[in-house]
Amino acid sequence: MKITISILTSALVLSTSISAQEPKEVFLGGTFSGSAGIATDSVFRGESTVVDGDIPAISAGFSWTHNDGFYVGVSGATSQYTSTPDIRSTVSPYIGKFGTLADTGINYNTVLYHYIYPGAENSNYTELWIEADKDFGPVNLKVEVTPTLDDWFGVDGWSGVNYAIHPSTTFDNGITLSAAIGYQDLSGEDAEGWTHWNMGVSKTVFGLTLDLRYHDSDMDSSHKVYSSPEGIDIFEQRIILGVSKSY
């Protein structure tokens, strides 16, 4: 198992460069918010998006949320893939709506998310995230269905749907235990999906959120898409330490 626990010095710089949270001013019926983070690796549905931690996993985002639950924003992150060396970052504008279904206690969140890869525009694609969650005692259970709206990662004729379940609970000491198990379905010529999962703990300390998480998948050398040694390597099980700040 690959264990990457070294804390990057940049996290300390990050923690001192962002001011403490202040009351947010209302603009056009909504408020602005943002976040920034750094981690030892970055995993998206079981796959490392920074070549197995070869480059720092740095991310940031900025959004405006209306009081009625509509929101719009953009996020960005460092990215690197062996199969597509032109990719160095991901920029993702999005628009969404969240709310609660009457008196059911069921919360929903729907997001139109567009992935832009500067320098490799043929890889751009769009997903529609559809999520619903409900509290069952101390446990929150969220279900997710996320279809692609165009060619997955720019591969002609490929489409995908990610199905996932995300349970979580927060203890009295402020520590949150969360997990996810999902299946990334892929359809198209020579396409094949995979199962992915993660589990971890997080806690906010002095305004910084620390997250320690285990990631894995069922990827192996028989897979139609990621059967190469490089493909298997970026899906290996790993432990990631991340630090983030919301403002």
C-alpha atoms as a PDB file:
ATOM      1  CA  MET A   1       0.000   0.000   0.000  1.00  0.00           C
ATOM      2  CA  LYS A   2       1.294   3.427  -0.927  1.00  0.00           C
ATOM      3  CA  ILE A   3       1.284   5.744   2.109  1.00  0.00           C
ATOM      4  CA  THR A   4       1.955   9.449   1.585  1.00  0.00           C
ATOM      5  CA  ILE A   5       1.812  11.293   4.880  1.00  0.00           C
ATOM      6  CA  SER A   6       4.437  14.028   4.461  1.00  0.00           C
ATOM      7  CA  ILE A   7       2.962  17.433   5.299  1.00  0.00           C
ATOM      8  CA  LEU A   8       3.850  19.976   2.642  1.00  0.00           C
ATOM      9  CA  THR A   9       5.367  23.196   3.948  1.00  0.00           C
ATOM     10  CA  SER A  10       3.090  25.121   1.630  1.00  0.00           C
ATOM     11  CA  ALA A  11       0.174  24.241   3.898  1.00  0.00           C
ATOM     12  CA  LEU A  12       1.674  26.487   6.565  1.00  0.00           C
ATOM     13  CA  VAL A  13       1.940  29.328   4.074  1.00  0.00           C
ATOM     14  CA  LEU A  14      -1.676  28.743   3.089  1.00  0.00           C
ATOM     15  CA  SER A  15      -2.882  28.866   6.680  1.00  0.00           C
ATOM     16  CA  THR A  16      -1.348  32.290   7.295  1.00  0.00           C
ATOM     17  CA  SER A  17      -2.264  33.870   3.962  1.00  0.00           C
ATOM     18  CA  ILE A  18      -6.044  33.634   4.360  1.00  0.00           C
ATOM     19  CA  SER A  19      -7.696  35.928   6.861  1.00  0.00           C
ATOM     20  CA  ALA A  20     -10.049  34.759   9.571  1.00  0.00           C
ATOM     21  CA  GLN A  21     -13.672  34.393   8.547  1.00  0.00           C
ATOM     22  CA  GLU A  22     -15.731  37.571   8.840  1.00  0.00           C
ATOM     23  CA  PRO A  23     -19.495  38.210   8.474  1.00  0.00           C
ATOM     24  CA  LYS A  24     -20.395  38.023   4.771  1.00  0.00           C
ATOM     25  CA  GLU A  25     -22.002  40.979   3.030  1.00  0.00           C
ATOM     26  CA  VAL A  26     -25.137  40.379   0.962  1.00  0.00           C
ATOM     27  CA  PHE A  27     -24.842  41.153  -2.765  1.00  0.00           C
ATOM     28  CA  LEU A  28     -27.892  40.834  -5.061  1.00  0.00           C
ATOM     29  CA  GLY A  29     -29.594  38.628  -2.498  1.00  0.00           C
ATOM     30  CA  GLY A  30     -26.635  36.302  -2.035  1.00  0.00           C
ATOM     31  CA  THR A  31     -23.183  35.989  -0.519  1.00  0.00           C
ATOM     32  CA  PHE A  32     -19.716  35.154  -1.787  1.00  0.00           C
ATOM     33  CA  SER A  33     -17.576  32.358  -0.374  1.00  0.00           C
ATOM     34  CA  GLY A  34     -14.439  30.487  -1.284  1.00  0.00           C
ATOM     35  CA  SER A  35     -11.972  27.827  -0.281  1.00  0.00           C
ATOM     36  CA  ALA A  36      -8.371  26.800  -0.888  1.00  0.00           C
ATOM     37  CA  GLY A  37      -6.496  23.637  -0.071  1.00  0.00           C
ATOM     38  CA  ILE A  38      -3.375  21.576  -0.513  1.00  0.00           C
ATOM     39  CA  ALA A  39      -2.868  17.826  -0.147  1.00  0.00           C
ATOM     40  CA  THR A  40      -0.298  15.100  -0.640  1.00  0.00           C
ATOM     41  CA  ASP A  41      -2.312  13.755  -3.599  1.00  0.00           C
ATOM     42  CA  SER A  42      -5.673  14.247  -5.289  1.00  0.00           C
ATOM     43  CA  VAL A  43      -8.032  11.392  -6.136  1.00  0.00           C
ATOM     44  CA  PHE A  44     -11.161  11.581  -8.298  1.00  0.00           C
ATOM     45  CA  ARG A  45     -13.245   8.393  -8.258  1.00  0.00           C
ATOM     46  CA  GLY A  46     -10.248   6.254  -7.424  1.00  0.00           C
ATOM     47  CA  GLU A  47      -7.821   7.880  -9.868  1.00  0.00           C
ATOM     48  CA  SER A  48      -4.924  10.149  -8.923  1.00  0.00           C
ATOM     49  CA  THR A  49      -5.252  13.410 -10.849  1.00  0.00           C
ATOM     50  CA  VAL A  50      -1.679  14.565 -10.141  1.00  0.00           C
ATOM     51  CA  VAL A  51       0.304  11.566 -11.451  1.00  0.00           C
ATOM     52  CA  ASP A  52       0.382   9.681  -8.182  1.00  0.00           C
ATOM     53  CA  GLY A  53       1.336  12.749  -6.155  1.00  0.00           C
ATOM     54  CA  ASP A  54       4.257  13.751  -8.390  1.00  0.00           C
ATOM     55  CA  ILE A  55       3.088  17.389  -8.289  1.00  0.00           C
ATOM     56  CA  PRO A  56       1.424  19.233  -5.369  1.00  0.00           C
ATOM     57  CA  ALA A  57      -2.350  18.852  -5.233  1.00  0.00           C
ATOM     58  CA  ILE A  58      -3.475  22.477  -4.909  1.00  0.00           C
ATOM     59  CA  SER A  59      -7.075  23.595  -5.331  1.00  0.00           C
ATOM     60  CA  ALA A  60      -9.166  26.732  -4.890  1.00  0.00           C
ATOM     61  CA  GLY A  61     -12.709  27.840  -5.572  1.00  0.00           C
ATOM     62  CA  PHE A  62     -14.988  30.862  -5.456  1.00  0.00           C
ATOM     63  CA  SER A  63     -18.792  31.005  -5.545  1.00  0.00           C
ATOM     64  CA  TRP A  64     -21.840  33.214  -5.079  1.00  0.00           C
ATOM     65  CA  THR A  65     -24.924  31.706  -3.434  1.00  0.00           C
ATOM     66  CA  HIS A  66     -28.390  33.259  -3.516  1.00  0.00           C
ATOM     67  CA  ASN A  67     -30.671  33.028  -0.493  1.00  0.00           C
ATOM     68  CA  ASP A  68     -33.068  30.866  -2.559  1.00  0.00           C
ATOM     69  CA  GLY A  69     -30.406  28.193  -3.046  1.00  0.00           C
ATOM     70  CA  PHE A  70     -29.164  29.059  -6.529  1.00  0.00           C
ATOM     71  CA  TYR A  71     -25.399  29.352  -6.872  1.00  0.00           C
ATOM     72  CA  VAL A  72     -22.670  29.864  -9.435  1.00  0.00           C
ATOM     73  CA  GLY A  73     -18.931  29.539  -9.137  1.00  0.00           C
ATOM     74  CA  VAL A  74     -15.635  28.329 -10.474  1.00  0.00           C
ATOM     75  CA  SER A  75     -13.010  25.991  -9.080  1.00  0.00           C
ATOM     76  CA  GLY A  76      -9.483  25.235 -10.162  1.00  0.00           C
ATOM     77  CA  ALA A  77      -6.860  22.635  -9.361  1.00  0.00           C
ATOM     78  CA  THR A  78      -3.471  21.380 -10.421  1.00  0.00           C
ATOM     79  CA  SER A  79      -3.779  18.336 -12.685  1.00  0.00           C
ATOM     80  CA  GLN A  80      -1.401  16.033 -14.509  1.00  0.00           C
ATOM     81  CA  TYR A  81      -1.894  12.743 -16.359  1.00  0.00           C
ATOM     82  CA  THR A  82       0.748  10.517 -17.944  1.00  0.00           C
ATOM     83  CA  SER A  83      -1.526   9.751 -20.910  1.00  0.00           C
ATOM     84  CA  THR A  84      -2.248  13.458 -21.558  1.00  0.00           C
ATOM     85  CA  PRO A  85       0.953  15.389 -20.719  1.00  0.00           C
ATOM     86  CA  ASP A  86      -0.462  18.690 -22.030  1.00  0.00           C
ATOM     87  CA  ILE A  87      -2.802  18.896 -19.041  1.00  0.00           C
ATOM     88  CA  ARG A  88      -1.411  20.940 -16.148  1.00  0.00           C
ATOM     89  CA  SER A  89      -4.585  22.221 -14.518  1.00  0.00           C
ATOM     90  CA  THR A  90      -8.357  21.937 -14.410  1.00  0.00           C
ATOM     91  CA  VAL A  91     -10.714  24.928 -14.390  1.00  0.00           C
ATOM     92  CA  SER A  92     -14.360  24.146 -13.677  1.00  0.00           C
ATOM     93  CA  PRO A  93     -17.197  26.682 -13.851  1.00  0.00           C
ATOM     94  CA  TYR A  94     -20.487  25.455 -12.394  1.00  0.00           C
ATOM     95  CA  ILE A  95     -24.063  26.459 -11.646  1.00  0.00           C
ATOM     96  CA  GLY A  96     -26.433  24.730  -9.272  1.00  0.00           C
ATOM     97  CA  LYS A  97     -29.435  24.718  -6.969  1.00  0.00           C
ATOM     98  CA  PHE A  98     -29.887  23.194  -3.522  1.00  0.00           C
ATOM     99  CA  GLY A  99     -32.825  22.982  -1.155  1.00  0.00           C
ATOM    100  CA  THR A 100     -35.122  20.728   0.876  1.00  0.00           C
ATOM    101  CA  LEU A 101     -38.110  18.752  -0.424  1.00  0.00           C
ATOM    102  CA  ALA A 102     -41.064  20.075   1.608  1.00  0.00           C
ATOM    103  CA  ASP A 103     -41.167  18.492   5.078  1.00  0.00           C
ATOM    104  CA  THR A 104     -39.452  15.237   4.087  1.00  0.00           C
ATOM    105  CA  GLY A 105     -36.076  16.118   5.571  1.00  0.00           C
ATOM    106  CA  ILE A 106     -34.559  15.204   2.207  1.00  0.00           C
ATOM    107  CA  ASN A 107     -32.060  17.735   0.907  1.00  0.00           C
ATOM    108  CA  TYR A 108     -31.160  17.971  -2.771  1.00  0.00           C
ATOM    109  CA  ASN A 109     -28.298  19.488  -4.725  1.00  0.00           C
ATOM    110  CA  THR A 110     -28.071  19.641  -8.516  1.00  0.00           C
ATOM    111  CA  VAL A 111     -24.966  21.023 -10.224  1.00  0.00           C
ATOM    112  CA  LEU A 112     -24.035  21.521 -13.874  1.00  0.00           C
ATOM    113  CA  TYR A 113     -20.248  21.143 -13.836  1.00  0.00           C
ATOM    114  CA  HIS A 114     -17.967  21.772 -16.830  1.00  0.00           C
ATOM    115  CA  TYR A 115     -14.370  20.497 -16.777  1.00  0.00           C
ATOM    116  CA  ILE A 116     -11.914  22.624 -18.773  1.00  0.00           C
ATOM    117  CA  TYR A 117      -8.327  21.452 -19.353  1.00  0.00           C
ATOM    118  CA  PRO A 118      -6.237  24.407 -20.647  1.00  0.00           C
ATOM    119  CA  GLY A 119      -3.855  23.195 -23.344  1.00  0.00           C
ATOM    120  CA  ALA A 120      -5.891  20.035 -23.960  1.00  0.00           C
ATOM    121  CA  GLU A 121      -9.333  21.386 -24.854  1.00  0.00           C
ATOM    122  CA  ASN A 122     -10.305  18.146 -26.627  1.00  0.00           C
ATOM    123  CA  SER A 123     -10.556  16.564 -23.170  1.00  0.00           C
ATOM    124  CA  ASN A 124     -13.184  19.032 -21.907  1.00  0.00           C
ATOM    125  CA  TYR A 125     -16.538  17.593 -20.870  1.00  0.00           C
ATOM    126  CA  THR A 126     -19.632  18.305 -18.751  1.00  0.00           C
ATOM    127  CA  GLU A 127     -21.393  16.436 -15.956  1.00  0.00           C
ATOM    128  CA  LEU A 128     -24.728  16.921 -14.191  1.00  0.00           C
ATOM    129  CA  TRP A 129     -24.346  16.126 -10.487  1.00  0.00           C
ATOM    130  CA  ILE A 130     -27.626  15.039  -8.865  1.00  0.00           C
ATOM    131  CA  GLU A 131     -27.457  14.462  -5.103  1.00  0.00           C
ATOM    132  CA  ALA A 132     -29.966  13.857  -2.309  1.00  0.00           C
ATOM    133  CA  ASP A 133     -29.279  13.335   1.383  1.00  0.00           C
ATOM    134  CA  LYS A 134     -31.175  12.707   4.616  1.00  0.00           C
ATOM    135  CA  ASP A 135     -30.266  12.347   8.288  1.00  0.00           C
ATOM    136  CA  PHE A 136     -30.982   9.013   9.952  1.00  0.00           C
ATOM    137  CA  GLY A 137     -30.269   9.727  13.585  1.00  0.00           C
ATOM    138  CA  PRO A 138     -26.593  10.739  13.845  1.00  0.00           C
ATOM    139  CA  VAL A 139     -25.793   9.444  10.338  1.00  0.00           C
ATOM    140  CA  ASN A 140     -26.255  11.413   7.136  1.00  0.00           C
ATOM    141  CA  LEU A 141     -26.712   9.350   3.978  1.00  0.00           C
ATOM    142  CA  LYS A 142     -26.211  10.944   0.578  1.00  0.00           C
ATOM    143  CA  VAL A 143     -26.846   9.292  -2.789  1.00  0.00           C
ATOM    144  CA  GLU A 144     -25.366  10.580  -6.037  1.00  0.00           C
ATOM    145  CA  VAL A 145     -26.098  10.030  -9.722  1.00  0.00           C
ATOM    146  CA  THR A 146     -23.797  11.978 -12.057  1.00  0.00           C
ATOM    147  CA  PRO A 147     -24.180  11.494 -15.825  1.00  0.00           C
ATOM    148  CA  THR A 148     -21.963  13.053 -18.481  1.00  0.00           C
ATOM    149  CA  LEU A 149     -23.745  15.335 -20.945  1.00  0.00           C
ATOM    150  CA  ASP A 150     -21.196  14.957 -23.740  1.00  0.00           C
ATOM    151  CA  ASP A 151     -18.212  12.725 -24.592  1.00  0.00           C
ATOM    152  CA  TRP A 152     -16.524  11.569 -21.366  1.00  0.00           C
ATOM    153  CA  PHE A 153     -13.063  13.176 -21.118  1.00  0.00           C
ATOM    154  CA  GLY A 154     -13.429  14.032 -24.799  1.00  0.00           C
ATOM    155  CA  VAL A 155     -13.330  10.392 -25.966  1.00  0.00           C
ATOM    156  CA  ASP A 156     -15.544  10.148 -29.055  1.00  0.00           C
ATOM    157  CA  GLY A 157     -18.704   8.156 -28.398  1.00  0.00           C
ATOM    158  CA  TRP A 158     -18.032   7.509 -24.704  1.00  0.00           C
ATOM    159  CA  SER A 159     -20.514   8.438 -22.007  1.00  0.00           C
ATOM    160  CA  GLY A 160     -20.462   7.857 -18.279  1.00  0.00           C
ATOM    161  CA  VAL A 161     -22.580   7.832 -15.138  1.00  0.00           C
ATOM    162  CA  ASN A 162     -21.141   7.815 -11.630  1.00  0.00           C
ATOM    163  CA  TYR A 163     -23.340   6.173  -8.989  1.00  0.00           C
ATOM    164  CA  ALA A 164     -22.265   6.641  -5.376  1.00  0.00           C
ATOM    165  CA  ILE A 165     -23.371   6.476  -1.744  1.00  0.00           C
ATOM    166  CA  HIS A 166     -21.789   8.821   0.830  1.00  0.00           C
ATOM    167  CA  PRO A 167     -22.453   8.093   4.538  1.00  0.00           C
ATOM    168  CA  SER A 168     -21.077  10.409   7.236  1.00  0.00           C
ATOM    169  CA  THR A 169     -21.401  11.202  10.923  1.00  0.00           C
ATOM    170  CA  THR A 170     -19.937  13.853  13.214  1.00  0.00           C
ATOM    171  CA  PHE A 171     -18.995  13.055  16.814  1.00  0.00           C
ATOM    172  CA  ASP A 172     -19.289  15.352  19.835  1.00  0.00           C
ATOM    173  CA  ASN A 173     -15.569  16.169  19.615  1.00  0.00           C
ATOM    174  CA  GLY A 174     -16.039  17.653  16.136  1.00  0.00           C
ATOM    175  CA  ILE A 175     -14.415  14.773  14.242  1.00  0.00           C
ATOM    176  CA  THR A 176     -16.328  13.712  11.135  1.00  0.00           C
ATOM    177  CA  LEU A 177     -16.129  10.139   9.855  1.00  0.00           C
ATOM    178  CA  SER A 178     -17.135   9.868   6.205  1.00  0.00           C
ATOM    179  CA  ALA A 179     -16.928   7.366   3.389  1.00  0.00           C
ATOM    180  CA  ALA A 180     -18.074   6.769  -0.166  1.00  0.00           C
ATOM    181  CA  ILE A 181     -18.500   3.816  -2.472  1.00  0.00           C
ATOM    182  CA  GLY A 182     -19.317   4.304  -6.108  1.00  0.00           C
ATOM    183  CA  TYR A 183     -19.299   2.849  -9.574  1.00  0.00           C
ATOM    184  CA  GLN A 184     -18.090   4.883 -12.544  1.00  0.00           C
ATOM    185  CA  ASP A 185     -20.008   3.393 -15.442  1.00  0.00           C
ATOM    186  CA  LEU A 186     -18.546   3.932 -18.912  1.00  0.00           C
ATOM    187  CA  SER A 187     -20.226   3.029 -22.184  1.00  0.00           C
ATOM    188  CA  GLY A 188     -18.831   3.163 -25.693  1.00  0.00           C
ATOM    189  CA  GLU A 189     -16.472   1.135 -27.853  1.00  0.00           C
ATOM    190  CA  ASP A 190     -13.819  -0.568 -25.645  1.00  0.00           C
ATOM    191  CA  ALA A 191     -15.067   1.307 -22.578  1.00  0.00           C
ATOM    192  CA  GLU A 192     -15.301  -0.282 -19.121  1.00  0.00           C
ATOM    193  CA  GLY A 193     -16.316   1.078 -15.733  1.00  0.00           C
ATOM    194  CA  TRP A 194     -14.823   0.554 -12.285  1.00  0.00           C
ATOM    195  CA  THR A 195     -15.738   0.579  -8.605  1.00  0.00           C
ATOM    196  CA  HIS A 196     -14.085   3.067  -6.254  1.00  0.00           C
ATOM    197  CA  TRP A 197     -14.302   3.800  -2.541  1.00  0.00           C
ATOM    198  CA  ASN A 198     -12.798   5.914   0.215  1.00  0.00           C
ATOM    199  CA  MET A 199     -13.003   6.401   3.979  1.00  0.00           C
ATOM    200  CA  GLY A 200     -11.520   9.053   6.211  1.00  0.00           C
ATOM    201  CA  VAL A 201     -11.742  11.443   9.121  1.00  0.00           C
ATOM    202  CA  SER A 202     -11.735  15.228   9.165  1.00  0.00           C
ATOM    203  CA  LYS A 203     -11.713  17.962  11.782  1.00  0.00           C
ATOM    204  CA  THR A 204     -11.521  21.748  11.754  1.00  0.00           C
ATOM    205  CA  VAL A 205      -8.747  23.147  13.944  1.00  0.00           C
ATOM    206  CA  PHE A 206      -7.996  26.891  14.208  1.00  0.00           C
ATOM    207  CA  GLY A 207     -10.029  27.503  11.060  1.00  0.00           C
ATOM    208  CA  LEU A 208      -8.217  24.834   9.021  1.00  0.00           C
ATOM    209  CA  THR A 209      -9.907  21.582   8.007  1.00  0.00           C
ATOM    210  CA  LEU A 210      -7.602  18.554   8.204  1.00  0.00           C
ATOM    211  CA  ASP A 211      -8.622  15.451   6.261  1.00  0.00           C
ATOM    212  CA  LEU A 212      -6.934  12.032   6.375  1.00  0.00           C
ATOM    213  CA  ARG A 213      -8.421   9.617   3.838  1.00  0.00           C
ATOM    214  CA  TYR A 214      -7.907   6.153   2.361  1.00  0.00           C
ATOM    215  CA  HIS A 215      -8.725   5.606  -1.345  1.00  0.00           C
ATOM    216  CA  ASP A 216      -8.919   2.407  -3.376  1.00  0.00           C
ATOM    217  CA  SER A 217     -10.618   0.815  -6.389  1.00  0.00           C
ATOM    218  CA  ASP A 218     -11.068  -2.562  -8.081  1.00  0.00           C
ATOM    219  CA  MET A 219      -8.758  -1.616 -10.964  1.00  0.00           C
ATOM    220  CA  ASP A 220      -6.479  -4.396 -12.268  1.00  0.00           C
ATOM    221  CA  SER A 221      -4.457  -5.358 -15.349  1.00  0.00           C
ATOM    222  CA  SER A 222      -7.504  -6.871 -17.080  1.00  0.00           C
ATOM    223  CA  HIS A 223      -9.255  -3.505 -17.378  1.00  0.00           C
ATOM    224  CA  LYS A 224      -9.937  -2.382 -20.951  1.00  0.00           C
ATOM    225  CA  VAL A 225      -9.058   1.283 -20.341  1.00  0.00           C
ATOM    226  CA  TYR A 226      -6.414   1.384 -17.591  1.00  0.00           C
ATOM    227  CA  SER A 227      -4.587  -1.940 -18.043  1.00  0.00           C
ATOM    228  CA  SER A 228      -1.142  -0.377 -18.622  1.00  0.00           C
ATOM    229  CA  PRO A 229       1.354  -0.193 -15.715  1.00  0.00           C
ATOM    230  CA  GLU A 230       0.867   3.582 -15.637  1.00  0.00           C
ATOM    231  CA  GLY A 231      -2.896   3.148 -15.516  1.00  0.00           C
ATOM    232  CA  ILE A 232      -2.755   0.641 -12.681  1.00  0.00           C
ATOM    233  CA  ASP A 233      -0.332   2.850 -10.755  1.00  0.00           C
ATOM    234  CA  ILE A 234      -2.641   5.878 -10.589  1.00  0.00           C
ATOM    235  CA  PHE A 235      -5.439   3.671  -9.212  1.00  0.00           C
ATOM    236  CA  GLU A 236      -3.374   2.065  -6.440  1.00  0.00           C
ATOM    237  CA  GLN A 237      -4.659   2.280  -2.882  1.00  0.00           C
ATOM    238  CA  ARG A 238      -3.309   5.288  -1.029  1.00  0.00           C
ATOM    239  CA  ILE A 239      -3.681   7.457   2.048  1.00  0.00           C
ATOM    240  CA  ILE A 240      -3.909  11.219   1.548  1.00  0.00           C
ATOM    241  CA  LEU A 241      -3.514  14.069   4.011  1.00  0.00           C
ATOM    242  CA  GLY A 242      -5.141  17.360   3.062  1.00  0.00           C
ATOM    243  CA  VAL A 243      -5.455  20.832   4.594  1.00  0.00           C
ATOM    244  CA  SER A 244      -8.102  23.320   3.469  1.00  0.00           C
ATOM    245  CA  LYS A 245      -9.551  26.674   4.471  1.00  0.00           C
ATOM    246  CA  SER A 246     -13.002  28.100   3.773  1.00  0.00           C
ATOM    247  CA  TYR A 247     -13.691  31.809   3.798  1.00  0.00           C
END
